[in-house]
Amino acid sequence: MEIRDKFCRNCGAELGKDAKFCMECGVKIPVPDEKLAAPKKAPDDKGLKLLVDCCSKTMGLPVSNGLDETVLYLNEQTGEYQIHTYYKMAGQPTELHRAYKADKDVYEKIIQCINELELTKYEGVMACGMIGGEYVVKFVIGEKVYRITTSNVPYQEHNKLYNVGSLLGSLRGDEI
């Protein structure tokens, strides 16, 4: 089994051997065609403006297992929005990096979600230190950059941060 077949591309859940559907989200798992499975060139994210970044940080380990980061970018030259996912598995030298089409509506939905969850009120507040790692949501509203982490948010409200990442992941368009 290849790395890309061990975890669901939709939700990041670990897949069973020869899985045809993800047991977490139900998405159909594509069967790679040996003839078409040529290595893909990683998407280029240089020069793109970061708008929203949702990631898990693991302290004390070189990498974590699972979908590590989902990012919404804007190409300011073309006006094109893109969602990039970065995945690295422990012990593997390279990461799996994919890019998907998005539009301005994605950014507006994410900012609406952030506003409804009132996440900006947690900026700079230290609720509790996390042991082993934390989840980070970094986002731009206007020219202001916010970085909210599970260390800044009370434990009972961590799901607010996870909801932003889940929403962003669900809004991916066709792969670029």
N, C-alpha and C. Protein backbone atom coordinates (compact mmCIF):
# COMPACT_ATOMS: atom_id res chain seq x y z
N MET A 1 0.84 -1.19 0.00
CA MET A 1 0.00 0.00 0.00
C MET A 1 0.89 1.25 0.00
N GLU A 2 0.57 2.24 -0.81
CA GLU A 2 1.34 3.48 -0.85
C GLU A 2 0.86 4.42 0.25
N ILE A 3 1.67 5.44 0.56
CA ILE A 3 1.33 6.39 1.63
C ILE A 3 -0.03 7.02 1.38
N ARG A 4 -0.32 7.41 0.15
CA ARG A 4 -1.57 8.11 -0.12
C ARG A 4 -2.79 7.20 0.09
N ASP A 5 -2.57 5.88 0.15
CA ASP A 5 -3.67 4.96 0.34
C ASP A 5 -3.90 4.61 1.80
N LYS A 6 -3.05 5.06 2.70
CA LYS A 6 -3.18 4.70 4.10
C LYS A 6 -4.13 5.63 4.85
N PHE A 7 -4.36 6.83 4.31
CA PHE A 7 -5.22 7.80 4.97
C PHE A 7 -6.18 8.40 3.97
N CYS A 8 -7.38 8.68 4.43
CA CYS A 8 -8.42 9.25 3.58
C CYS A 8 -8.02 10.66 3.15
N ARG A 9 -8.14 10.93 1.87
CA ARG A 9 -7.82 12.28 1.36
C ARG A 9 -8.87 13.30 1.76
N ASN A 10 -10.05 12.86 2.11
CA ASN A 10 -11.12 13.77 2.49
C ASN A 10 -11.05 14.18 3.95
N CYS A 11 -10.88 13.20 4.86
CA CYS A 11 -10.93 13.53 6.29
C CYS A 11 -9.66 13.19 7.04
N GLY A 12 -8.72 12.48 6.42
CA GLY A 12 -7.46 12.16 7.07
C GLY A 12 -7.49 10.91 7.94
N ALA A 13 -8.63 10.22 8.02
CA ALA A 13 -8.74 9.02 8.86
C ALA A 13 -7.90 7.89 8.28
N GLU A 14 -7.37 7.05 9.16
CA GLU A 14 -6.59 5.90 8.71
C GLU A 14 -7.52 4.90 8.03
N LEU A 15 -7.06 4.36 6.90
CA LEU A 15 -7.85 3.40 6.13
C LEU A 15 -7.37 1.99 6.38
N GLY A 16 -8.27 1.04 6.34
CA GLY A 16 -7.90 -0.37 6.42
C GLY A 16 -7.28 -0.81 5.11
N LYS A 17 -6.58 -1.94 5.15
CA LYS A 17 -5.96 -2.47 3.94
C LYS A 17 -7.04 -2.79 2.92
N ASP A 18 -6.82 -2.38 1.68
CA ASP A 18 -7.75 -2.61 0.56
C ASP A 18 -9.11 -1.95 0.78
N ALA A 19 -9.17 -0.86 1.56
CA ALA A 19 -10.44 -0.17 1.81
C ALA A 19 -10.99 0.40 0.51
N LYS A 20 -12.30 0.29 0.35
CA LYS A 20 -12.97 0.86 -0.82
C LYS A 20 -13.71 2.15 -0.44
N PHE A 21 -14.03 2.30 0.88
CA PHE A 21 -14.70 3.48 1.40
C PHE A 21 -14.07 3.84 2.74
N CYS A 22 -14.05 5.12 3.09
CA CYS A 22 -13.56 5.56 4.39
C CYS A 22 -14.63 5.25 5.43
N MET A 23 -14.23 4.62 6.52
CA MET A 23 -15.18 4.27 7.58
C MET A 23 -15.60 5.49 8.40
N GLU A 24 -14.84 6.60 8.32
CA GLU A 24 -15.17 7.82 9.06
C GLU A 24 -16.15 8.71 8.31
N CYS A 25 -15.80 9.06 7.05
CA CYS A 25 -16.62 10.03 6.30
C CYS A 25 -17.41 9.40 5.15
N GLY A 26 -17.11 8.14 4.80
CA GLY A 26 -17.86 7.45 3.76
C GLY A 26 -17.43 7.71 2.34
N VAL A 27 -16.40 8.53 2.13
CA VAL A 27 -15.97 8.84 0.77
C VAL A 27 -15.38 7.59 0.12
N LYS A 28 -15.60 7.45 -1.20
CA LYS A 28 -15.07 6.32 -1.95
C LYS A 28 -13.56 6.53 -2.11
N ILE A 29 -12.80 5.47 -1.90
CA ILE A 29 -11.35 5.53 -2.01
C ILE A 29 -10.97 5.14 -3.44
N PRO A 30 -10.29 6.04 -4.18
CA PRO A 30 -9.92 5.71 -5.55
C PRO A 30 -8.88 4.59 -5.59
N VAL A 31 -9.01 3.71 -6.57
CA VAL A 31 -8.04 2.64 -6.76
C VAL A 31 -7.02 3.15 -7.78
N PRO A 32 -5.75 3.27 -7.38
CA PRO A 32 -4.76 3.81 -8.31
C PRO A 32 -4.52 2.85 -9.48
N ASP A 33 -4.46 3.40 -10.66
CA ASP A 33 -4.15 2.64 -11.87
C ASP A 33 -2.63 2.61 -11.98
N GLU A 34 -2.05 1.44 -11.98
CA GLU A 34 -0.59 1.28 -12.01
C GLU A 34 0.02 2.08 -13.17
N LYS A 35 -0.65 2.09 -14.33
CA LYS A 35 -0.11 2.78 -15.49
C LYS A 35 -0.17 4.29 -15.35
N LEU A 36 -1.17 4.79 -14.61
CA LEU A 36 -1.35 6.23 -14.46
C LEU A 36 -0.73 6.79 -13.18
N ALA A 37 -0.18 5.94 -12.34
CA ALA A 37 0.30 6.35 -11.03
C ALA A 37 1.70 6.95 -11.05
N ALA A 38 2.02 7.69 -12.09
CA ALA A 38 3.32 8.36 -12.13
C ALA A 38 3.39 9.40 -11.02
N PRO A 39 4.57 9.58 -10.43
CA PRO A 39 4.66 10.56 -9.34
C PRO A 39 4.26 11.95 -9.83
N LYS A 40 3.48 12.61 -9.01
CA LYS A 40 2.99 13.94 -9.33
C LYS A 40 3.96 14.98 -8.78
N LYS A 41 4.18 16.03 -9.54
CA LYS A 41 5.01 17.12 -9.05
C LYS A 41 4.23 17.86 -7.97
N ALA A 42 4.90 18.17 -6.88
CA ALA A 42 4.24 18.88 -5.77
C ALA A 42 3.80 20.26 -6.25
N PRO A 43 2.63 20.72 -5.81
CA PRO A 43 2.15 22.05 -6.19
C PRO A 43 3.10 23.12 -5.66
N ASP A 44 3.10 24.25 -6.30
CA ASP A 44 3.94 25.37 -5.89
C ASP A 44 3.11 26.32 -5.03
N ASP A 45 3.58 26.59 -3.82
CA ASP A 45 2.88 27.54 -2.96
C ASP A 45 3.69 28.80 -2.72
N LYS A 46 4.80 28.94 -3.42
CA LYS A 46 5.64 30.13 -3.27
C LYS A 46 4.94 31.34 -3.91
N GLY A 47 4.99 32.46 -3.25
CA GLY A 47 4.38 33.67 -3.78
C GLY A 47 2.89 33.79 -3.51
N LEU A 48 2.30 32.80 -2.85
CA LEU A 48 0.87 32.86 -2.54
C LEU A 48 0.68 33.49 -1.17
N LYS A 49 -0.37 34.28 -1.02
CA LYS A 49 -0.68 34.92 0.25
C LYS A 49 -1.50 33.97 1.12
N LEU A 50 -1.01 33.70 2.32
CA LEU A 50 -1.72 32.85 3.25
C LEU A 50 -2.91 33.60 3.82
N LEU A 51 -4.10 32.99 3.74
CA LEU A 51 -5.31 33.59 4.30
C LEU A 51 -5.79 32.84 5.55
N VAL A 52 -5.77 31.51 5.51
CA VAL A 52 -6.19 30.68 6.63
C VAL A 52 -5.29 29.45 6.67
N ASP A 53 -4.79 29.13 7.86
CA ASP A 53 -3.90 27.98 8.04
C ASP A 53 -4.37 27.21 9.27
N CYS A 54 -4.75 25.96 9.08
CA CYS A 54 -5.19 25.09 10.18
C CYS A 54 -4.24 23.92 10.25
N CYS A 55 -3.56 23.76 11.38
CA CYS A 55 -2.59 22.68 11.47
C CYS A 55 -2.43 22.17 12.89
N SER A 56 -1.92 20.95 12.97
CA SER A 56 -1.59 20.38 14.28
C SER A 56 -0.08 20.41 14.41
N LYS A 57 0.38 20.85 15.56
CA LYS A 57 1.81 20.91 15.86
C LYS A 57 2.09 19.87 16.93
N THR A 58 3.06 19.02 16.69
CA THR A 58 3.42 18.02 17.68
C THR A 58 4.77 18.39 18.25
N MET A 59 4.82 18.55 19.56
CA MET A 59 6.07 18.93 20.22
C MET A 59 6.82 17.68 20.64
N GLY A 60 8.11 17.71 20.46
CA GLY A 60 8.94 16.61 20.91
C GLY A 60 9.07 15.49 19.89
N LEU A 61 8.36 15.57 18.78
CA LEU A 61 8.46 14.57 17.72
C LEU A 61 8.77 15.28 16.42
N PRO A 62 9.54 14.64 15.52
CA PRO A 62 9.87 15.31 14.27
C PRO A 62 8.64 15.57 13.40
N VAL A 63 7.72 14.65 13.37
CA VAL A 63 6.47 14.83 12.60
C VAL A 63 5.37 14.05 13.30
N SER A 64 4.16 14.33 12.93
CA SER A 64 3.04 13.57 13.49
C SER A 64 2.41 12.76 12.37
N ASN A 65 1.55 11.86 12.73
CA ASN A 65 0.80 11.10 11.73
C ASN A 65 -0.50 11.83 11.44
N GLY A 66 -0.96 11.74 10.22
CA GLY A 66 -2.24 12.34 9.87
C GLY A 66 -2.09 13.54 8.99
N LEU A 67 -3.20 14.16 8.68
CA LEU A 67 -3.21 15.35 7.85
C LEU A 67 -2.75 16.51 8.71
N ASP A 68 -1.55 16.99 8.47
CA ASP A 68 -0.93 17.97 9.34
C ASP A 68 -1.43 19.39 9.13
N GLU A 69 -1.71 19.76 7.88
CA GLU A 69 -2.00 21.16 7.63
C GLU A 69 -2.91 21.34 6.41
N THR A 70 -3.88 22.25 6.55
CA THR A 70 -4.75 22.65 5.46
C THR A 70 -4.70 24.17 5.39
N VAL A 71 -4.38 24.70 4.22
CA VAL A 71 -4.14 26.14 4.07
C VAL A 71 -4.94 26.70 2.90
N LEU A 72 -5.56 27.87 3.11
CA LEU A 72 -6.21 28.61 2.04
C LEU A 72 -5.28 29.74 1.62
N TYR A 73 -4.93 29.75 0.35
CA TYR A 73 -4.04 30.77 -0.21
C TYR A 73 -4.79 31.61 -1.24
N LEU A 74 -4.24 32.80 -1.49
CA LEU A 74 -4.69 33.66 -2.57
C LEU A 74 -3.49 34.01 -3.43
N ASN A 75 -3.62 33.80 -4.74
CA ASN A 75 -2.62 34.27 -5.68
C ASN A 75 -3.04 35.70 -6.04
N GLU A 76 -2.36 36.67 -5.46
CA GLU A 76 -2.77 38.07 -5.64
C GLU A 76 -2.61 38.55 -7.08
N GLN A 77 -1.75 37.92 -7.85
CA GLN A 77 -1.56 38.32 -9.25
C GLN A 77 -2.73 37.88 -10.12
N THR A 78 -3.25 36.68 -9.87
CA THR A 78 -4.32 36.14 -10.72
C THR A 78 -5.70 36.22 -10.06
N GLY A 79 -5.74 36.45 -8.73
CA GLY A 79 -7.01 36.45 -8.01
C GLY A 79 -7.53 35.05 -7.72
N GLU A 80 -6.72 34.03 -7.98
CA GLU A 80 -7.12 32.63 -7.79
C GLU A 80 -6.92 32.21 -6.33
N TYR A 81 -7.94 31.53 -5.80
CA TYR A 81 -7.87 30.98 -4.44
C TYR A 81 -7.54 29.49 -4.56
N GLN A 82 -6.74 28.99 -3.62
CA GLN A 82 -6.35 27.59 -3.63
C GLN A 82 -6.34 27.06 -2.19
N ILE A 83 -6.74 25.81 -2.02
CA ILE A 83 -6.59 25.13 -0.74
C ILE A 83 -5.49 24.08 -0.92
N HIS A 84 -4.48 24.14 -0.05
CA HIS A 84 -3.39 23.18 -0.09
C HIS A 84 -3.45 22.31 1.16
N THR A 85 -3.17 21.03 0.98
CA THR A 85 -3.05 20.13 2.12
C THR A 85 -1.63 19.58 2.14
N TYR A 86 -1.08 19.49 3.35
CA TYR A 86 0.28 19.00 3.56
C TYR A 86 0.18 17.85 4.56
N TYR A 87 0.72 16.72 4.18
CA TYR A 87 0.62 15.54 5.01
C TYR A 87 2.00 14.90 5.11
N LYS A 88 2.42 14.61 6.31
CA LYS A 88 3.70 13.93 6.48
C LYS A 88 3.53 12.83 7.49
N MET A 89 4.03 11.66 7.14
CA MET A 89 3.95 10.51 8.02
C MET A 89 5.29 10.30 8.70
N ALA A 90 5.27 9.92 9.96
CA ALA A 90 6.50 9.68 10.71
C ALA A 90 7.38 8.69 9.95
N GLY A 91 8.66 9.02 9.87
CA GLY A 91 9.62 8.13 9.22
C GLY A 91 9.73 8.29 7.72
N GLN A 92 8.86 9.09 7.11
CA GLN A 92 8.91 9.30 5.66
C GLN A 92 9.68 10.58 5.37
N PRO A 93 10.57 10.57 4.38
CA PRO A 93 11.40 11.74 4.11
C PRO A 93 10.67 12.90 3.43
N THR A 94 9.57 12.62 2.73
CA THR A 94 8.87 13.68 2.02
C THR A 94 7.42 13.76 2.47
N GLU A 95 6.82 14.90 2.20
CA GLU A 95 5.41 15.07 2.55
C GLU A 95 4.56 14.95 1.30
N LEU A 96 3.31 14.63 1.51
CA LEU A 96 2.33 14.59 0.43
C LEU A 96 1.65 15.96 0.41
N HIS A 97 1.82 16.67 -0.68
CA HIS A 97 1.31 18.04 -0.82
C HIS A 97 0.36 18.06 -2.00
N ARG A 98 -0.87 18.48 -1.76
CA ARG A 98 -1.88 18.57 -2.81
C ARG A 98 -2.47 19.98 -2.84
N ALA A 99 -2.95 20.39 -4.00
CA ALA A 99 -3.58 21.70 -4.15
C ALA A 99 -4.94 21.52 -4.81
N TYR A 100 -5.91 22.32 -4.37
CA TYR A 100 -7.29 22.22 -4.87
C TYR A 100 -7.80 23.62 -5.22
N LYS A 101 -8.70 23.66 -6.18
CA LYS A 101 -9.33 24.92 -6.55
C LYS A 101 -10.25 25.39 -5.43
N ALA A 102 -10.35 26.69 -5.28
CA ALA A 102 -11.26 27.31 -4.32
C ALA A 102 -11.69 28.64 -4.91
N ASP A 103 -12.55 29.37 -4.22
CA ASP A 103 -12.94 30.70 -4.67
C ASP A 103 -13.11 31.61 -3.45
N LYS A 104 -13.45 32.85 -3.71
CA LYS A 104 -13.57 33.83 -2.63
C LYS A 104 -14.64 33.43 -1.62
N ASP A 105 -15.67 32.71 -2.07
CA ASP A 105 -16.73 32.25 -1.16
C ASP A 105 -16.16 31.39 -0.04
N VAL A 106 -15.12 30.61 -0.34
CA VAL A 106 -14.49 29.76 0.68
C VAL A 106 -13.93 30.64 1.79
N TYR A 107 -13.19 31.66 1.41
CA TYR A 107 -12.62 32.58 2.40
C TYR A 107 -13.72 33.23 3.23
N GLU A 108 -14.76 33.70 2.56
CA GLU A 108 -15.86 34.36 3.27
C GLU A 108 -16.57 33.41 4.23
N LYS A 109 -16.75 32.14 3.83
CA LYS A 109 -17.39 31.15 4.72
C LYS A 109 -16.51 30.88 5.95
N ILE A 110 -15.21 30.79 5.73
CA ILE A 110 -14.29 30.54 6.85
C ILE A 110 -14.30 31.71 7.82
N ILE A 111 -14.23 32.94 7.30
CA ILE A 111 -14.23 34.12 8.17
C ILE A 111 -15.57 34.24 8.89
N GLN A 112 -16.67 33.92 8.23
CA GLN A 112 -17.98 33.92 8.89
C GLN A 112 -17.98 32.91 10.04
N CYS A 113 -17.44 31.72 9.80
CA CYS A 113 -17.34 30.69 10.85
C CYS A 113 -16.50 31.19 12.02
N ILE A 114 -15.36 31.81 11.72
CA ILE A 114 -14.47 32.34 12.76
C ILE A 114 -15.19 33.41 13.57
N ASN A 115 -15.93 34.28 12.89
CA ASN A 115 -16.67 35.34 13.58
C ASN A 115 -17.80 34.77 14.45
N GLU A 116 -18.53 33.78 13.91
CA GLU A 116 -19.62 33.18 14.67
C GLU A 116 -19.10 32.47 15.93
N LEU A 117 -17.92 31.87 15.81
CA LEU A 117 -17.31 31.18 16.95
C LEU A 117 -16.56 32.14 17.89
N GLU A 118 -16.49 33.42 17.49
CA GLU A 118 -15.82 34.47 18.27
C GLU A 118 -14.38 34.09 18.62
N LEU A 119 -13.65 33.54 17.65
CA LEU A 119 -12.29 33.09 17.92
C LEU A 119 -11.31 34.22 18.18
N THR A 120 -11.55 35.40 17.62
CA THR A 120 -10.58 36.49 17.80
C THR A 120 -10.45 36.90 19.27
N LYS A 121 -11.45 36.61 20.10
CA LYS A 121 -11.37 36.99 21.51
C LYS A 121 -10.30 36.20 22.27
N TYR A 122 -9.83 35.08 21.68
CA TYR A 122 -8.83 34.26 22.36
C TYR A 122 -7.39 34.66 22.02
N GLU A 123 -7.21 35.64 21.14
CA GLU A 123 -5.86 36.02 20.75
C GLU A 123 -5.08 36.50 21.97
N GLY A 124 -3.94 35.89 22.19
CA GLY A 124 -3.06 36.31 23.27
C GLY A 124 -3.43 35.78 24.64
N VAL A 125 -4.58 35.16 24.80
CA VAL A 125 -5.00 34.62 26.09
C VAL A 125 -4.34 33.26 26.27
N MET A 126 -3.76 33.00 27.42
CA MET A 126 -3.18 31.69 27.69
C MET A 126 -4.07 30.94 28.66
N ALA A 127 -4.93 30.08 28.13
CA ALA A 127 -5.85 29.32 28.97
C ALA A 127 -5.13 28.18 29.67
N CYS A 128 -4.35 27.41 28.94
CA CYS A 128 -3.61 26.29 29.51
C CYS A 128 -2.58 25.82 28.50
N GLY A 129 -1.46 25.35 29.00
CA GLY A 129 -0.43 24.81 28.12
C GLY A 129 -0.81 23.40 27.69
N MET A 130 -0.56 23.06 26.45
CA MET A 130 -0.87 21.72 25.96
C MET A 130 0.36 20.83 26.12
N ILE A 131 0.15 19.59 26.46
CA ILE A 131 1.23 18.63 26.59
C ILE A 131 1.24 17.78 25.32
N GLY A 132 2.35 17.76 24.62
CA GLY A 132 2.49 16.92 23.44
C GLY A 132 2.20 17.61 22.13
N GLY A 133 1.38 18.62 22.12
CA GLY A 133 1.09 19.30 20.87
C GLY A 133 -0.09 20.22 20.99
N GLU A 134 -0.34 20.92 19.92
CA GLU A 134 -1.48 21.82 19.91
C GLU A 134 -2.02 21.96 18.50
N TYR A 135 -3.22 22.46 18.40
CA TYR A 135 -3.86 22.73 17.12
C TYR A 135 -3.85 24.25 16.93
N VAL A 136 -3.47 24.69 15.76
CA VAL A 136 -3.31 26.12 15.50
C VAL A 136 -4.19 26.53 14.32
N VAL A 137 -4.90 27.64 14.49
CA VAL A 137 -5.64 28.25 13.39
C VAL A 137 -5.09 29.67 13.24
N LYS A 138 -4.48 29.91 12.10
CA LYS A 138 -3.93 31.24 11.79
C LYS A 138 -4.76 31.79 10.64
N PHE A 139 -5.18 33.05 10.76
CA PHE A 139 -6.02 33.61 9.70
C PHE A 139 -5.79 35.11 9.58
N VAL A 140 -6.14 35.63 8.41
CA VAL A 140 -5.97 37.04 8.10
C VAL A 140 -7.34 37.66 7.89
N ILE A 141 -7.62 38.74 8.61
CA ILE A 141 -8.82 39.54 8.39
C ILE A 141 -8.31 40.95 8.11
N GLY A 142 -8.53 41.42 6.88
CA GLY A 142 -7.97 42.71 6.46
C GLY A 142 -6.45 42.57 6.43
N GLU A 143 -5.77 43.40 7.20
CA GLU A 143 -4.31 43.32 7.29
C GLU A 143 -3.86 42.69 8.60
N LYS A 144 -4.81 42.34 9.47
CA LYS A 144 -4.50 41.78 10.79
C LYS A 144 -4.37 40.26 10.71
N VAL A 145 -3.28 39.73 11.28
CA VAL A 145 -3.05 38.29 11.32
C VAL A 145 -3.33 37.80 12.74
N TYR A 146 -4.16 36.78 12.86
CA TYR A 146 -4.50 36.18 14.15
C TYR A 146 -3.90 34.78 14.20
N ARG A 147 -3.44 34.38 15.37
CA ARG A 147 -2.94 33.02 15.59
C ARG A 147 -3.57 32.52 16.88
N ILE A 148 -4.53 31.62 16.75
CA ILE A 148 -5.27 31.09 17.90
C ILE A 148 -4.90 29.61 18.03
N THR A 149 -4.57 29.19 19.25
CA THR A 149 -4.16 27.80 19.46
C THR A 149 -4.98 27.16 20.58
N THR A 150 -4.88 25.84 20.66
CA THR A 150 -5.56 25.14 21.75
C THR A 150 -4.99 25.55 23.10
N SER A 151 -3.80 26.13 23.13
CA SER A 151 -3.24 26.66 24.38
C SER A 151 -3.95 27.94 24.81
N ASN A 152 -4.55 28.65 23.86
CA ASN A 152 -5.22 29.91 24.15
C ASN A 152 -6.72 29.75 24.41
N VAL A 153 -7.26 28.60 24.06
CA VAL A 153 -8.70 28.38 24.14
C VAL A 153 -8.99 27.38 25.25
N PRO A 154 -9.98 27.65 26.10
CA PRO A 154 -10.32 26.68 27.14
C PRO A 154 -10.63 25.31 26.52
N TYR A 155 -10.25 24.27 27.23
CA TYR A 155 -10.40 22.90 26.74
C TYR A 155 -11.81 22.61 26.23
N GLN A 156 -12.83 23.08 26.92
CA GLN A 156 -14.20 22.80 26.55
C GLN A 156 -14.56 23.41 25.19
N GLU A 157 -13.74 24.32 24.69
CA GLU A 157 -14.05 25.00 23.43
C GLU A 157 -13.05 24.67 22.31
N HIS A 158 -12.21 23.66 22.49
CA HIS A 158 -11.25 23.28 21.45
C HIS A 158 -11.94 22.92 20.14
N ASN A 159 -13.15 22.36 20.25
CA ASN A 159 -13.86 21.97 19.02
C ASN A 159 -14.09 23.16 18.10
N LYS A 160 -14.11 24.38 18.64
CA LYS A 160 -14.26 25.56 17.79
C LYS A 160 -13.11 25.64 16.79
N LEU A 161 -11.90 25.38 17.26
CA LEU A 161 -10.74 25.42 16.36
C LEU A 161 -10.81 24.28 15.35
N TYR A 162 -11.15 23.09 15.82
CA TYR A 162 -11.23 21.94 14.92
C TYR A 162 -12.31 22.16 13.85
N ASN A 163 -13.39 22.85 14.21
CA ASN A 163 -14.47 23.12 13.25
C ASN A 163 -13.98 23.96 12.08
N VAL A 164 -13.08 24.91 12.34
CA VAL A 164 -12.55 25.75 11.25
C VAL A 164 -11.77 24.88 10.28
N GLY A 165 -10.90 24.00 10.79
CA GLY A 165 -10.12 23.11 9.93
C GLY A 165 -11.00 22.14 9.16
N SER A 166 -12.02 21.61 9.82
CA SER A 166 -12.93 20.68 9.14
C SER A 166 -13.69 21.38 8.02
N LEU A 167 -14.16 22.59 8.30
CA LEU A 167 -14.88 23.35 7.28
C LEU A 167 -13.98 23.64 6.09
N LEU A 168 -12.76 24.10 6.36
CA LEU A 168 -11.84 24.42 5.27
C LEU A 168 -11.57 23.17 4.42
N GLY A 169 -11.31 22.04 5.06
CA GLY A 169 -11.07 20.80 4.32
C GLY A 169 -12.25 20.37 3.48
N SER A 170 -13.46 20.65 3.96
CA SER A 170 -14.67 20.23 3.23
C SER A 170 -14.97 21.11 2.02
N LEU A 171 -14.33 22.27 1.92
CA LEU A 171 -14.64 23.21 0.84
C LEU A 171 -13.69 23.10 -0.34
N ARG A 172 -12.87 22.05 -0.36
CA ARG A 172 -11.93 21.87 -1.47
C ARG A 172 -12.67 21.60 -2.77
N GLY A 173 -12.16 22.19 -3.84
CA GLY A 173 -12.71 21.93 -5.17
C GLY A 173 -11.89 20.85 -5.85
N ASP A 174 -11.87 20.88 -7.18
CA ASP A 174 -11.10 19.90 -7.95
C ASP A 174 -9.63 20.07 -7.69
N GLU A 175 -8.90 18.95 -7.74
CA GLU A 175 -7.45 19.00 -7.54
C GLU A 175 -6.81 19.72 -8.72
N ILE A 176 -5.80 20.53 -8.41
CA ILE A 176 -5.08 21.29 -9.42
C ILE A 176 -3.93 20.43 -9.94
